[in-house]
Amino acid sequence: MQRNECKVVKIGNRYIGGNYPILIQSMTNTKTKDVKATINQILELEKYGCDIIRVACLDMEDANAIKEIKKGIHIPLVADIHFDPELAITAIKNGVDKIRLNPGNIQNKEKIKEIVLLCKERNIPIRIGVNSGSLPKGMELNAKNMIKAAKSHIEILEELDFHDIVLSLKASNINLAVEAYKLASKEFNYPLHVGITEAGTDFKGLITSSIGLSKILDLGIGNTIRVSLTADPILEVKAAKDILKELGLKKDIPTLTSCPTCGRTQINLIPIAKEIEEYLYTVNKNIHVAVMGCVVNGPGEAREADLGIAGGIGEALIFSKGKVLRKIDEKDIISELKKEIDKF
């Protein structure tokens, strides 16, 4: 897939833009000032493949918590800040790797200048986020006006000779988001953070985000993505991995094939498939695993995969690279398949 050319921006120990891989983001739903809970959630998200994490800074306690959170995690940390410039200044001084900020909602121009100078001094990028729900009053909602709003915010930073900018133009309407990102990719040379905002719960939101993100990414647009769900942030990371994998934009992600189950199935396949799927999200290997329930399609699918099982009556055959390894009891399927995945 041909990717749009754009400026490279460094975020902590990672890079986005240019020919760098598309990075996966999420946002914690803990209270940022609860340092222990926030660190624990971020470490769990790291395990599932999160590349960049964002935390909300609602008050000075949150901004001061950045320093301790940074000590306990391994991925770049982004502070989400609105209205209060002192929160941005404190977060920067406490070592945050990136600021999500709209300069348009901070009225004090001297404070914007102070934030920008601090970011320049410490090589901290700023993401300008334009959402369809937060356009300036009186501005009709359409893609061109989203670009207009973004441009006005970008010009504030560029006038201060600041160019380590990341831009997002999120909308909950898929067609609007696609049009806004298409225009942005032509108008600006900055990396684009792509997402469908307020997409919905884990079921509806996943469908909406998958369609919207796929349409945008398939145009070669996007340098980092967030799947926004009303759900556990881990589901956002898992969904993002699957979207990138299916579009051929991320490697070293396992593939699971599993049958839909029917009356031919003689083992309790659904919990087996779910547990193996969950396990594979923590595995960084380009491996194809098949979990099949019967002897009709099972052996063929299992042989085509790197590893697989085909169910019988209370038992299963386990395959590796097309060859039968052994027969296993139903109660041992999960543990034995995990062992083979680890060895592969």
C-alpha atoms as a PDB file:
ATOM      1  CA  MET A   1       0.000   0.000   0.000  1.00  0.00           C
ATOM      2  CA  GLN A   2       1.332   3.435  -0.970  1.00  0.00           C
ATOM      3  CA  ARG A   3       1.567   5.620   2.153  1.00  0.00           C
ATOM      4  CA  ASN A   4       1.207   9.403   2.118  1.00  0.00           C
ATOM      5  CA  GLU A   5       4.509  11.184   2.683  1.00  0.00           C
ATOM      6  CA  CYS A   6       4.707  13.447   5.731  1.00  0.00           C
ATOM      7  CA  LYS A   7       7.040  14.882   8.341  1.00  0.00           C
ATOM      8  CA  VAL A   8       8.588  12.513  10.928  1.00  0.00           C
ATOM      9  CA  VAL A   9       7.812  13.327  14.564  1.00  0.00           C
ATOM     10  CA  LYS A  10       9.549  11.761  17.577  1.00  0.00           C
ATOM     11  CA  ILE A  11       7.380  10.803  20.561  1.00  0.00           C
ATOM     12  CA  GLY A  12       9.494   9.586  23.450  1.00  0.00           C
ATOM     13  CA  ASN A  13      11.398   6.585  22.110  1.00  0.00           C
ATOM     14  CA  ARG A  14       9.114   6.126  19.079  1.00  0.00           C
ATOM     15  CA  TYR A  15       8.652   7.822  15.700  1.00  0.00           C
ATOM     16  CA  ILE A  16       5.609   8.408  13.531  1.00  0.00           C
ATOM     17  CA  GLY A  17       5.367   9.735  10.001  1.00  0.00           C
ATOM     18  CA  GLY A  18       7.554   9.081   6.977  1.00  0.00           C
ATOM     19  CA  ASN A  19       7.933   5.350   6.413  1.00  0.00           C
ATOM     20  CA  TYR A  20       7.679   4.412  10.084  1.00  0.00           C
ATOM     21  CA  PRO A  21       5.066   1.778  11.015  1.00  0.00           C
ATOM     22  CA  ILE A  22       1.598   2.867  12.082  1.00  0.00           C
ATOM     23  CA  LEU A  23       1.528   2.942  15.886  1.00  0.00           C
ATOM     24  CA  ILE A  24      -1.372   1.894  18.117  1.00  0.00           C
ATOM     25  CA  GLN A  25      -2.678   4.245  20.778  1.00  0.00           C
ATOM     26  CA  SER A  26      -5.181   4.026  23.601  1.00  0.00           C
ATOM     27  CA  MET A  27      -6.231   6.140  26.575  1.00  0.00           C
ATOM     28  CA  THR A  28      -6.460   5.094  30.208  1.00  0.00           C
ATOM     29  CA  ASN A  29      -9.816   5.253  31.978  1.00  0.00           C
ATOM     30  CA  THR A  30      -8.298   5.348  35.459  1.00  0.00           C
ATOM     31  CA  LYS A  31      -7.975   8.560  37.421  1.00  0.00           C
ATOM     32  CA  THR A  32      -4.505   9.768  36.454  1.00  0.00           C
ATOM     33  CA  LYS A  33      -3.764  10.887  40.016  1.00  0.00           C
ATOM     34  CA  ASP A  34      -4.223   7.234  41.074  1.00  0.00           C
ATOM     35  CA  VAL A  35      -0.671   6.435  40.034  1.00  0.00           C
ATOM     36  CA  LYS A  36      -0.723   2.741  40.924  1.00  0.00           C
ATOM     37  CA  ALA A  37      -3.956   2.000  39.058  1.00  0.00           C
ATOM     38  CA  THR A  38      -2.817   4.010  36.047  1.00  0.00           C
ATOM     39  CA  ILE A  39       0.580   2.299  35.847  1.00  0.00           C
ATOM     40  CA  ASN A  40      -1.046  -1.135  36.197  1.00  0.00           C
ATOM     41  CA  GLN A  41      -3.477  -0.417  33.382  1.00  0.00           C
ATOM     42  CA  ILE A  42      -0.718   0.898  31.109  1.00  0.00           C
ATOM     43  CA  LEU A  43       1.477  -2.162  31.758  1.00  0.00           C
ATOM     44  CA  GLU A  44      -1.454  -4.403  30.828  1.00  0.00           C
ATOM     45  CA  LEU A  45      -2.008  -2.381  27.643  1.00  0.00           C
ATOM     46  CA  GLU A  46       1.699  -2.685  26.807  1.00  0.00           C
ATOM     47  CA  LYS A  47       1.359  -6.467  27.063  1.00  0.00           C
ATOM     48  CA  TYR A  48      -1.375  -6.408  24.426  1.00  0.00           C
ATOM     49  CA  GLY A  49       0.594  -4.218  22.001  1.00  0.00           C
ATOM     50  CA  CYS A  50      -0.166  -0.583  22.844  1.00  0.00           C
ATOM     51  CA  ASP A  51       2.579   1.688  21.442  1.00  0.00           C
ATOM     52  CA  ILE A  52       1.551   5.081  22.868  1.00  0.00           C
ATOM     53  CA  ILE A  53      -0.710   5.821  25.846  1.00  0.00           C
ATOM     54  CA  ARG A  54      -2.658   8.970  26.718  1.00  0.00           C
ATOM     55  CA  VAL A  55      -3.858  10.077  30.151  1.00  0.00           C
ATOM     56  CA  ALA A  56      -6.322  12.809  31.091  1.00  0.00           C
ATOM     57  CA  CYS A  57      -5.005  15.789  33.062  1.00  0.00           C
ATOM     58  CA  LEU A  58      -7.987  17.430  34.713  1.00  0.00           C
ATOM     59  CA  ASP A  59      -6.185  19.094  37.589  1.00  0.00           C
ATOM     60  CA  MET A  60      -2.748  19.686  39.053  1.00  0.00           C
ATOM     61  CA  GLU A  61      -2.730  16.343  40.883  1.00  0.00           C
ATOM     62  CA  ASP A  62      -3.062  14.607  37.518  1.00  0.00           C
ATOM     63  CA  ALA A  63      -0.319  16.719  35.958  1.00  0.00           C
ATOM     64  CA  ASN A  64       2.035  16.047  38.870  1.00  0.00           C
ATOM     65  CA  ALA A  65       1.328  12.304  38.680  1.00  0.00           C
ATOM     66  CA  ILE A  66       3.031  12.235  35.248  1.00  0.00           C
ATOM     67  CA  LYS A  67       6.471  12.059  36.864  1.00  0.00           C
ATOM     68  CA  GLU A  68       5.765   8.849  38.805  1.00  0.00           C
ATOM     69  CA  ILE A  69       3.759   7.240  36.008  1.00  0.00           C
ATOM     70  CA  LYS A  70       6.683   7.723  33.627  1.00  0.00           C
ATOM     71  CA  LYS A  71       8.947   5.772  35.991  1.00  0.00           C
ATOM     72  CA  GLY A  72       6.695   2.708  35.900  1.00  0.00           C
ATOM     73  CA  ILE A  73       5.959   2.300  32.174  1.00  0.00           C
ATOM     74  CA  HIS A  74       7.870   1.631  28.945  1.00  0.00           C
ATOM     75  CA  ILE A  75       5.898   3.397  26.208  1.00  0.00           C
ATOM     76  CA  PRO A  76       5.525   7.119  25.384  1.00  0.00           C
ATOM     77  CA  LEU A  77       3.086   9.012  27.607  1.00  0.00           C
ATOM     78  CA  VAL A  78       0.736  11.690  26.265  1.00  0.00           C
ATOM     79  CA  ALA A  79      -1.059  14.245  28.444  1.00  0.00           C
ATOM     80  CA  ASP A  80      -4.566  15.218  27.360  1.00  0.00           C
ATOM     81  CA  ILE A  81      -5.106  18.859  28.364  1.00  0.00           C
ATOM     82  CA  HIS A  82      -7.781  21.445  27.718  1.00  0.00           C
ATOM     83  CA  PHE A  83      -8.328  25.059  28.763  1.00  0.00           C
ATOM     84  CA  ASP A  84      -5.754  25.305  31.569  1.00  0.00           C
ATOM     85  CA  PRO A  85      -2.236  26.093  30.285  1.00  0.00           C
ATOM     86  CA  GLU A  86      -0.670  25.518  33.711  1.00  0.00           C
ATOM     87  CA  LEU A  87      -1.555  21.821  33.466  1.00  0.00           C
ATOM     88  CA  ALA A  88       0.362  21.575  30.195  1.00  0.00           C
ATOM     89  CA  ILE A  89       3.354  23.399  31.651  1.00  0.00           C
ATOM     90  CA  THR A  90       3.421  21.120  34.709  1.00  0.00           C
ATOM     91  CA  ALA A  91       3.028  17.947  32.625  1.00  0.00           C
ATOM     92  CA  ILE A  92       5.902  19.030  30.381  1.00  0.00           C
ATOM     93  CA  LYS A  93       8.143  19.739  33.364  1.00  0.00           C
ATOM     94  CA  ASN A  94       7.253  16.317  34.773  1.00  0.00           C
ATOM     95  CA  GLY A  95       8.567  14.556  31.666  1.00  0.00           C
ATOM     96  CA  VAL A  96       5.536  13.866  29.480  1.00  0.00           C
ATOM     97  CA  ASP A  97       6.419  12.749  25.935  1.00  0.00           C
ATOM     98  CA  LYS A  98       3.647  14.535  24.050  1.00  0.00           C
ATOM     99  CA  ILE A  99       0.839  17.015  24.670  1.00  0.00           C
ATOM    100  CA  ARG A 100      -2.669  16.778  23.238  1.00  0.00           C
ATOM    101  CA  LEU A 101      -3.762  20.384  23.152  1.00  0.00           C
ATOM    102  CA  ASN A 102      -5.968  22.742  21.230  1.00  0.00           C
ATOM    103  CA  PRO A 103      -4.278  26.159  21.325  1.00  0.00           C
ATOM    104  CA  GLY A 104      -7.625  27.629  20.300  1.00  0.00           C
ATOM    105  CA  ASN A 105      -9.194  26.897  23.704  1.00  0.00           C
ATOM    106  CA  ILE A 106      -6.409  28.620  25.640  1.00  0.00           C
ATOM    107  CA  GLN A 107      -7.008  32.358  25.563  1.00  0.00           C
ATOM    108  CA  ASN A 108      -3.720  33.536  27.074  1.00  0.00           C
ATOM    109  CA  LYS A 109      -1.317  33.881  24.134  1.00  0.00           C
ATOM    110  CA  GLU A 110       1.671  34.317  26.435  1.00  0.00           C
ATOM    111  CA  LYS A 111       0.898  30.969  28.047  1.00  0.00           C
ATOM    112  CA  ILE A 112       0.670  29.302  24.630  1.00  0.00           C
ATOM    113  CA  LYS A 113       4.084  30.760  23.849  1.00  0.00           C
ATOM    114  CA  GLU A 114       5.447  29.416  27.138  1.00  0.00           C
ATOM    115  CA  ILE A 115       4.085  25.930  26.386  1.00  0.00           C
ATOM    116  CA  VAL A 116       5.547  25.959  22.887  1.00  0.00           C
ATOM    117  CA  LEU A 117       8.968  27.150  24.041  1.00  0.00           C
ATOM    118  CA  LEU A 118       9.061  24.402  26.686  1.00  0.00           C
ATOM    119  CA  CYS A 119       8.071  21.796  24.085  1.00  0.00           C
ATOM    120  CA  LYS A 120      10.753  23.047  21.672  1.00  0.00           C
ATOM    121  CA  GLU A 121      13.369  22.956  24.422  1.00  0.00           C
ATOM    122  CA  ARG A 122      12.499  19.370  25.366  1.00  0.00           C
ATOM    123  CA  ASN A 123      11.585  18.002  21.896  1.00  0.00           C
ATOM    124  CA  ILE A 124       7.992  17.331  22.916  1.00  0.00           C
ATOM    125  CA  PRO A 125       5.430  17.263  20.083  1.00  0.00           C
ATOM    126  CA  ILE A 126       1.932  18.693  20.309  1.00  0.00           C
ATOM    127  CA  ARG A 127      -1.151  16.993  18.882  1.00  0.00           C
ATOM    128  CA  ILE A 128      -3.877  19.293  17.715  1.00  0.00           C
ATOM    129  CA  GLY A 129      -7.169  17.433  17.921  1.00  0.00           C
ATOM    130  CA  VAL A 130     -10.159  18.733  15.979  1.00  0.00           C
ATOM    131  CA  ASN A 131     -13.366  16.854  16.761  1.00  0.00           C
ATOM    132  CA  SER A 132     -16.652  17.200  14.912  1.00  0.00           C
ATOM    133  CA  GLY A 133     -18.360  17.907  18.244  1.00  0.00           C
ATOM    134  CA  SER A 134     -16.103  20.779  19.236  1.00  0.00           C
ATOM    135  CA  LEU A 135     -15.889  23.128  16.257  1.00  0.00           C
ATOM    136  CA  PRO A 136     -15.934  26.867  17.027  1.00  0.00           C
ATOM    137  CA  LYS A 137     -19.419  28.270  17.718  1.00  0.00           C
ATOM    138  CA  GLY A 138     -21.360  29.187  14.615  1.00  0.00           C
ATOM    139  CA  MET A 139     -19.245  27.029  12.306  1.00  0.00           C
ATOM    140  CA  GLU A 140     -21.263  24.570  10.225  1.00  0.00           C
ATOM    141  CA  LEU A 141     -20.165  20.971  10.616  1.00  0.00           C
ATOM    142  CA  ASN A 142     -18.435  19.766   7.457  1.00  0.00           C
ATOM    143  CA  ALA A 143     -14.991  18.519   6.438  1.00  0.00           C
ATOM    144  CA  LYS A 144     -13.841  21.866   5.030  1.00  0.00           C
ATOM    145  CA  ASN A 145     -14.622  23.645   8.287  1.00  0.00           C
ATOM    146  CA  MET A 146     -12.800  20.966  10.264  1.00  0.00           C
ATOM    147  CA  ILE A 147      -9.744  21.708   8.114  1.00  0.00           C
ATOM    148  CA  LYS A 148     -10.277  25.427   8.617  1.00  0.00           C
ATOM    149  CA  ALA A 149     -10.342  24.959  12.409  1.00  0.00           C
ATOM    150  CA  ALA A 150      -7.226  22.789  12.292  1.00  0.00           C
ATOM    151  CA  LYS A 151      -5.413  25.357  10.171  1.00  0.00           C
ATOM    152  CA  SER A 152      -6.181  28.162  12.613  1.00  0.00           C
ATOM    153  CA  HIS A 153      -4.737  26.094  15.478  1.00  0.00           C
ATOM    154  CA  ILE A 154      -1.682  25.037  13.469  1.00  0.00           C
ATOM    155  CA  GLU A 155      -0.937  28.634  12.474  1.00  0.00           C
ATOM    156  CA  ILE A 156      -0.697  29.610  16.150  1.00  0.00           C
ATOM    157  CA  LEU A 157       2.106  27.060  16.599  1.00  0.00           C
ATOM    158  CA  GLU A 158       3.817  27.734  13.267  1.00  0.00           C
ATOM    159  CA  GLU A 159       3.972  31.472  14.033  1.00  0.00           C
ATOM    160  CA  LEU A 160       6.061  30.486  17.046  1.00  0.00           C
ATOM    161  CA  ASP A 161       8.320  28.408  14.753  1.00  0.00           C
ATOM    162  CA  PHE A 162       7.004  25.163  16.196  1.00  0.00           C
ATOM    163  CA  HIS A 163       6.594  22.276  13.759  1.00  0.00           C
ATOM    164  CA  ASP A 164       6.587  19.057  15.803  1.00  0.00           C
ATOM    165  CA  ILE A 165       2.867  18.779  15.259  1.00  0.00           C
ATOM    166  CA  VAL A 166       0.540  15.790  14.999  1.00  0.00           C
ATOM    167  CA  LEU A 167      -3.003  16.362  13.766  1.00  0.00           C
ATOM    168  CA  SER A 168      -6.304  14.547  14.218  1.00  0.00           C
ATOM    169  CA  LEU A 169      -9.695  15.322  12.659  1.00  0.00           C
ATOM    170  CA  LYS A 170     -12.078  12.882  14.285  1.00  0.00           C
ATOM    171  CA  ALA A 171     -15.789  12.552  13.673  1.00  0.00           C
ATOM    172  CA  SER A 172     -18.383  10.001  14.741  1.00  0.00           C
ATOM    173  CA  ASN A 173     -19.775   9.985  11.199  1.00  0.00           C
ATOM    174  CA  ILE A 174     -17.630   7.739   9.002  1.00  0.00           C
ATOM    175  CA  ASN A 175     -18.061   9.647   5.744  1.00  0.00           C
ATOM    176  CA  LEU A 176     -17.273  12.959   7.426  1.00  0.00           C
ATOM    177  CA  ALA A 177     -14.140  11.539   9.039  1.00  0.00           C
ATOM    178  CA  VAL A 178     -12.943  10.028   5.752  1.00  0.00           C
ATOM    179  CA  GLU A 179     -13.466  13.308   3.889  1.00  0.00           C
ATOM    180  CA  ALA A 180     -11.717  15.335   6.606  1.00  0.00           C
ATOM    181  CA  TYR A 181      -8.664  13.076   6.622  1.00  0.00           C
ATOM    182  CA  LYS A 182      -8.493  13.069   2.815  1.00  0.00           C
ATOM    183  CA  LEU A 183      -8.434  16.869   2.808  1.00  0.00           C
ATOM    184  CA  ALA A 184      -5.923  16.973   5.674  1.00  0.00           C
ATOM    185  CA  SER A 185      -3.511  14.628   3.906  1.00  0.00           C
ATOM    186  CA  LYS A 186      -3.425  17.075   0.981  1.00  0.00           C
ATOM    187  CA  GLU A 187      -3.382  20.286   3.040  1.00  0.00           C
ATOM    188  CA  PHE A 188      -0.824  19.462   5.748  1.00  0.00           C
ATOM    189  CA  ASN A 189       2.555  17.738   5.895  1.00  0.00           C
ATOM    190  CA  TYR A 190       2.142  16.625   9.510  1.00  0.00           C
ATOM    191  CA  PRO A 191       1.559  13.058  10.771  1.00  0.00           C
ATOM    192  CA  LEU A 192      -2.090  12.162  11.165  1.00  0.00           C
ATOM    193  CA  HIS A 193      -3.575  10.511  14.246  1.00  0.00           C
ATOM    194  CA  VAL A 194      -6.599   8.649  12.859  1.00  0.00           C
ATOM    195  CA  GLY A 195      -9.758   7.626  14.669  1.00  0.00           C
ATOM    196  CA  ILE A 196     -13.534   7.589  14.619  1.00  0.00           C
ATOM    197  CA  THR A 197     -14.585   9.459  17.756  1.00  0.00           C
ATOM    198  CA  GLU A 198     -17.434   8.392  20.051  1.00  0.00           C
ATOM    199  CA  ALA A 199     -17.821   5.288  17.899  1.00  0.00           C
ATOM    200  CA  GLY A 200     -19.869   3.412  20.519  1.00  0.00           C
ATOM    201  CA  THR A 201     -19.729   0.347  22.728  1.00  0.00           C
ATOM    202  CA  ASP A 202     -17.525  -2.683  22.200  1.00  0.00           C
ATOM    203  CA  PHE A 203     -19.907  -4.170  19.593  1.00  0.00           C
ATOM    204  CA  LYS A 204     -21.273  -1.213  17.643  1.00  0.00           C
ATOM    205  CA  GLY A 205     -18.135   0.868  18.144  1.00  0.00           C
ATOM    206  CA  LEU A 206     -15.914  -1.905  16.848  1.00  0.00           C
ATOM    207  CA  ILE A 207     -17.949  -2.188  13.643  1.00  0.00           C
ATOM    208  CA  THR A 208     -18.000   1.586  13.095  1.00  0.00           C
ATOM    209  CA  SER A 209     -14.296   2.009  13.842  1.00  0.00           C
ATOM    210  CA  SER A 210     -13.300  -0.946  11.683  1.00  0.00           C
ATOM    211  CA  ILE A 211     -15.167   0.403   8.667  1.00  0.00           C
ATOM    212  CA  GLY A 212     -14.030   3.997   9.138  1.00  0.00           C
ATOM    213  CA  LEU A 213     -10.395   3.290   9.935  1.00  0.00           C
ATOM    214  CA  SER A 214     -10.116   0.776   7.107  1.00  0.00           C
ATOM    215  CA  LYS A 215     -11.429   3.294   4.590  1.00  0.00           C
ATOM    216  CA  ILE A 216      -8.925   5.922   5.733  1.00  0.00           C
ATOM    217  CA  LEU A 217      -5.930   3.607   6.108  1.00  0.00           C
ATOM    218  CA  ASP A 218      -6.653   1.977   2.747  1.00  0.00           C
ATOM    219  CA  LEU A 219      -6.055   5.388   1.160  1.00  0.00           C
ATOM    220  CA  GLY A 220      -2.525   5.364   2.572  1.00  0.00           C
ATOM    221  CA  ILE A 221      -3.528   7.967   5.165  1.00  0.00           C
ATOM    222  CA  GLY A 222      -2.608   7.698   8.840  1.00  0.00           C
ATOM    223  CA  ASN A 223       0.478   7.334  11.013  1.00  0.00           C
ATOM    224  CA  THR A 224      -1.011   6.373  14.356  1.00  0.00           C
ATOM    225  CA  ILE A 225      -4.493   5.119  15.237  1.00  0.00           C
ATOM    226  CA  ARG A 226      -6.845   4.845  18.162  1.00  0.00           C
ATOM    227  CA  VAL A 227      -9.991   2.723  18.167  1.00  0.00           C
ATOM    228  CA  SER A 228     -12.317   4.659  20.495  1.00  0.00           C
ATOM    229  CA  LEU A 229     -14.691   2.338  22.365  1.00  0.00           C
ATOM    230  CA  THR A 230     -16.992   2.658  25.347  1.00  0.00           C
ATOM    231  CA  ALA A 231     -15.215  -0.339  26.810  1.00  0.00           C
ATOM    232  CA  ASP A 232     -12.011  -1.624  28.387  1.00  0.00           C
ATOM    233  CA  PRO A 233      -9.027   0.071  26.661  1.00  0.00           C
ATOM    234  CA  ILE A 234      -7.538  -3.381  26.051  1.00  0.00           C
ATOM    235  CA  LEU A 235     -10.322  -3.978  23.526  1.00  0.00           C
ATOM    236  CA  GLU A 236      -9.204  -0.819  21.698  1.00  0.00           C
ATOM    237  CA  VAL A 237      -5.672  -2.163  21.347  1.00  0.00           C
ATOM    238  CA  LYS A 238      -6.826  -5.622  20.277  1.00  0.00           C
ATOM    239  CA  ALA A 239      -9.142  -4.117  17.668  1.00  0.00           C
ATOM    240  CA  ALA A 240      -6.426  -1.819  16.332  1.00  0.00           C
ATOM    241  CA  LYS A 241      -4.035  -4.757  15.950  1.00  0.00           C
ATOM    242  CA  ASP A 242      -6.602  -6.757  14.021  1.00  0.00           C
ATOM    243  CA  ILE A 243      -7.465  -3.852  11.721  1.00  0.00           C
ATOM    244  CA  LEU A 244      -3.799  -3.222  10.884  1.00  0.00           C
ATOM    245  CA  LYS A 245      -3.137  -6.932  10.427  1.00  0.00           C
ATOM    246  CA  GLU A 246      -6.064  -7.468   8.056  1.00  0.00           C
ATOM    247  CA  LEU A 247      -4.947  -4.471   5.971  1.00  0.00           C
ATOM    248  CA  GLY A 248      -1.411  -5.835   5.781  1.00  0.00           C
ATOM    249  CA  LEU A 249      -0.039  -2.866   7.724  1.00  0.00           C
ATOM    250  CA  LYS A 250       1.369  -4.703  10.733  1.00  0.00           C
ATOM    251  CA  LYS A 251       3.430  -7.864  10.922  1.00  0.00           C
ATOM    252  CA  ASP A 252       4.256 -10.277  13.735  1.00  0.00           C
ATOM    253  CA  ILE A 253       0.602 -10.531  14.732  1.00  0.00           C
ATOM    254  CA  PRO A 254      -0.931 -14.020  15.052  1.00  0.00           C
ATOM    255  CA  THR A 255      -3.939 -15.112  13.008  1.00  0.00           C
ATOM    256  CA  LEU A 256      -6.695 -17.265  14.479  1.00  0.00           C
ATOM    257  CA  THR A 257      -9.034 -19.367  12.360  1.00  0.00           C
ATOM    258  CA  SER A 258     -11.944 -20.894  14.243  1.00  0.00           C
ATOM    259  CA  CYS A 259     -15.102 -22.593  13.060  1.00  0.00           C
ATOM    260  CA  PRO A 260     -18.572 -21.158  13.762  1.00  0.00           C
ATOM    261  CA  THR A 261     -19.631 -24.399  15.522  1.00  0.00           C
ATOM    262  CA  CYS A 262     -22.664 -26.478  14.636  1.00  0.00           C
ATOM    263  CA  GLY A 263     -24.325 -29.743  15.614  1.00  0.00           C
ATOM    264  CA  ARG A 264     -21.286 -31.687  14.391  1.00  0.00           C
ATOM    265  CA  THR A 265     -19.087 -30.203  17.133  1.00  0.00           C
ATOM    266  CA  GLN A 266     -18.284 -32.756  19.833  1.00  0.00           C
ATOM    267  CA  ILE A 267     -16.124 -30.560  22.093  1.00  0.00           C
ATOM    268  CA  ASN A 268     -16.944 -27.326  23.955  1.00  0.00           C
ATOM    269  CA  LEU A 269     -15.221 -25.224  21.322  1.00  0.00           C
ATOM    270  CA  ILE A 270     -16.323 -21.640  22.037  1.00  0.00           C
ATOM    271  CA  PRO A 271     -14.458 -21.180  25.366  1.00  0.00           C
ATOM    272  CA  ILE A 272     -11.410 -22.923  23.862  1.00  0.00           C
ATOM    273  CA  ALA A 273     -11.363 -20.550  20.872  1.00  0.00           C
ATOM    274  CA  LYS A 274     -11.860 -17.497  23.102  1.00  0.00           C
ATOM    275  CA  GLU A 275      -9.032 -18.402  25.452  1.00  0.00           C
ATOM    276  CA  ILE A 276      -6.622 -19.170  22.613  1.00  0.00           C
ATOM    277  CA  GLU A 277      -7.599 -15.907  20.895  1.00  0.00           C
ATOM    278  CA  GLU A 278      -6.923 -13.951  24.096  1.00  0.00           C
ATOM    279  CA  TYR A 279      -3.571 -15.678  24.507  1.00  0.00           C
ATOM    280  CA  LEU A 280      -2.551 -14.884  20.941  1.00  0.00           C
ATOM    281  CA  TYR A 281      -3.033 -11.140  21.522  1.00  0.00           C
ATOM    282  CA  THR A 282      -0.026 -11.301  23.863  1.00  0.00           C
ATOM    283  CA  VAL A 283       2.140 -13.204  21.362  1.00  0.00           C
ATOM    284  CA  ASN A 284       4.403 -11.328  18.931  1.00  0.00           C
ATOM    285  CA  LYS A 285       4.766 -13.983  16.243  1.00  0.00           C
ATOM    286  CA  ASN A 286       3.562 -14.270  12.685  1.00  0.00           C
ATOM    287  CA  ILE A 287       1.748 -17.519  13.416  1.00  0.00           C
ATOM    288  CA  HIS A 288      -1.526 -18.944  12.099  1.00  0.00           C
ATOM    289  CA  VAL A 289      -3.525 -21.043  14.577  1.00  0.00           C
ATOM    290  CA  ALA A 290      -6.708 -22.964  13.722  1.00  0.00           C
ATOM    291  CA  VAL A 291      -9.224 -24.078  16.334  1.00  0.00           C
ATOM    292  CA  MET A 292     -11.721 -26.356  14.612  1.00  0.00           C
ATOM    293  CA  GLY A 293     -14.563 -28.362  16.071  1.00  0.00           C
ATOM    294  CA  CYS A 294     -15.202 -31.424  13.917  1.00  0.00           C
ATOM    295  CA  VAL A 295     -13.752 -33.921  11.471  1.00  0.00           C
ATOM    296  CA  VAL A 296     -15.431 -32.461   8.366  1.00  0.00           C
ATOM    297  CA  ASN A 297     -13.555 -29.173   7.836  1.00  0.00           C
ATOM    298  CA  GLY A 298     -11.324 -29.372  10.898  1.00  0.00           C
ATOM    299  CA  PRO A 299      -8.410 -31.494   9.674  1.00  0.00           C
ATOM    300  CA  GLY A 300      -8.083 -29.517   6.428  1.00  0.00           C
ATOM    301  CA  GLU A 301      -8.092 -26.120   8.152  1.00  0.00           C
ATOM    302  CA  ALA A 302      -5.760 -27.346  10.890  1.00  0.00           C
ATOM    303  CA  ARG A 303      -3.300 -28.685   8.313  1.00  0.00           C
ATOM    304  CA  GLU A 304      -3.260 -25.363   6.462  1.00  0.00           C
ATOM    305  CA  ALA A 305      -2.395 -23.455   9.641  1.00  0.00           C
ATOM    306  CA  ASP A 306       0.973 -23.428  11.407  1.00  0.00           C
ATOM    307  CA  LEU A 307      -0.695 -25.015  14.414  1.00  0.00           C
ATOM    308  CA  GLY A 308      -4.205 -26.289  14.874  1.00  0.00           C
ATOM    309  CA  ILE A 309      -6.628 -28.662  16.487  1.00  0.00           C
ATOM    310  CA  ALA A 310      -9.497 -30.632  14.976  1.00  0.00           C
ATOM    311  CA  GLY A 311     -12.087 -31.842  17.458  1.00  0.00           C
ATOM    312  CA  GLY A 312     -13.472 -35.346  17.829  1.00  0.00           C
ATOM    313  CA  ILE A 313     -15.686 -36.840  20.538  1.00  0.00           C
ATOM    314  CA  GLY A 314     -14.260 -35.352  23.728  1.00  0.00           C
ATOM    315  CA  GLU A 315     -10.798 -35.163  22.176  1.00  0.00           C
ATOM    316  CA  ALA A 316      -8.842 -33.490  19.392  1.00  0.00           C
ATOM    317  CA  LEU A 317      -5.948 -34.020  17.029  1.00  0.00           C
ATOM    318  CA  ILE A 318      -3.245 -31.377  17.249  1.00  0.00           C
ATOM    319  CA  PHE A 319      -1.458 -30.464  14.015  1.00  0.00           C
ATOM    320  CA  SER A 320       1.796 -28.655  13.274  1.00  0.00           C
ATOM    321  CA  LYS A 321       2.669 -27.607   9.723  1.00  0.00           C
ATOM    322  CA  GLY A 322       0.186 -30.097   8.289  1.00  0.00           C
ATOM    323  CA  LYS A 323       1.318 -33.093  10.359  1.00  0.00           C
ATOM    324  CA  VAL A 324      -0.507 -34.721  13.239  1.00  0.00           C
ATOM    325  CA  LEU A 325       1.500 -34.351  16.442  1.00  0.00           C
ATOM    326  CA  ARG A 326      -0.737 -36.323  18.794  1.00  0.00           C
ATOM    327  CA  LYS A 327      -4.226 -36.930  20.084  1.00  0.00           C
ATOM    328  CA  ILE A 328      -5.225 -34.987  23.221  1.00  0.00           C
ATOM    329  CA  ASP A 329      -8.140 -35.078  25.651  1.00  0.00           C
ATOM    330  CA  GLU A 330     -10.580 -32.176  25.545  1.00  0.00           C
ATOM    331  CA  LYS A 331      -9.508 -30.982  29.004  1.00  0.00           C
ATOM    332  CA  ASP A 332      -5.914 -30.619  27.783  1.00  0.00           C
ATOM    333  CA  ILE A 333      -6.558 -28.794  24.499  1.00  0.00           C
ATOM    334  CA  ILE A 334      -5.908 -25.262  25.775  1.00  0.00           C
ATOM    335  CA  SER A 335      -2.761 -26.061  27.741  1.00  0.00           C
ATOM    336  CA  GLU A 336      -1.271 -28.239  24.999  1.00  0.00           C
ATOM    337  CA  LEU A 337      -2.003 -25.726  22.247  1.00  0.00           C
ATOM    338  CA  LYS A 338      -0.461 -22.913  24.305  1.00  0.00           C
ATOM    339  CA  LYS A 339       2.687 -25.039  24.764  1.00  0.00           C
ATOM    340  CA  GLU A 340       2.964 -25.512  21.001  1.00  0.00           C
ATOM    341  CA  ILE A 341       2.403 -21.796  20.362  1.00  0.00           C
ATOM    342  CA  ASP A 342       5.220 -20.957  22.794  1.00  0.00           C
ATOM    343  CA  LYS A 343       7.545 -23.457  21.126  1.00  0.00           C
ATOM    344  CA  PHE A 344       6.754 -22.378  17.554  1.00  0.00           C
END
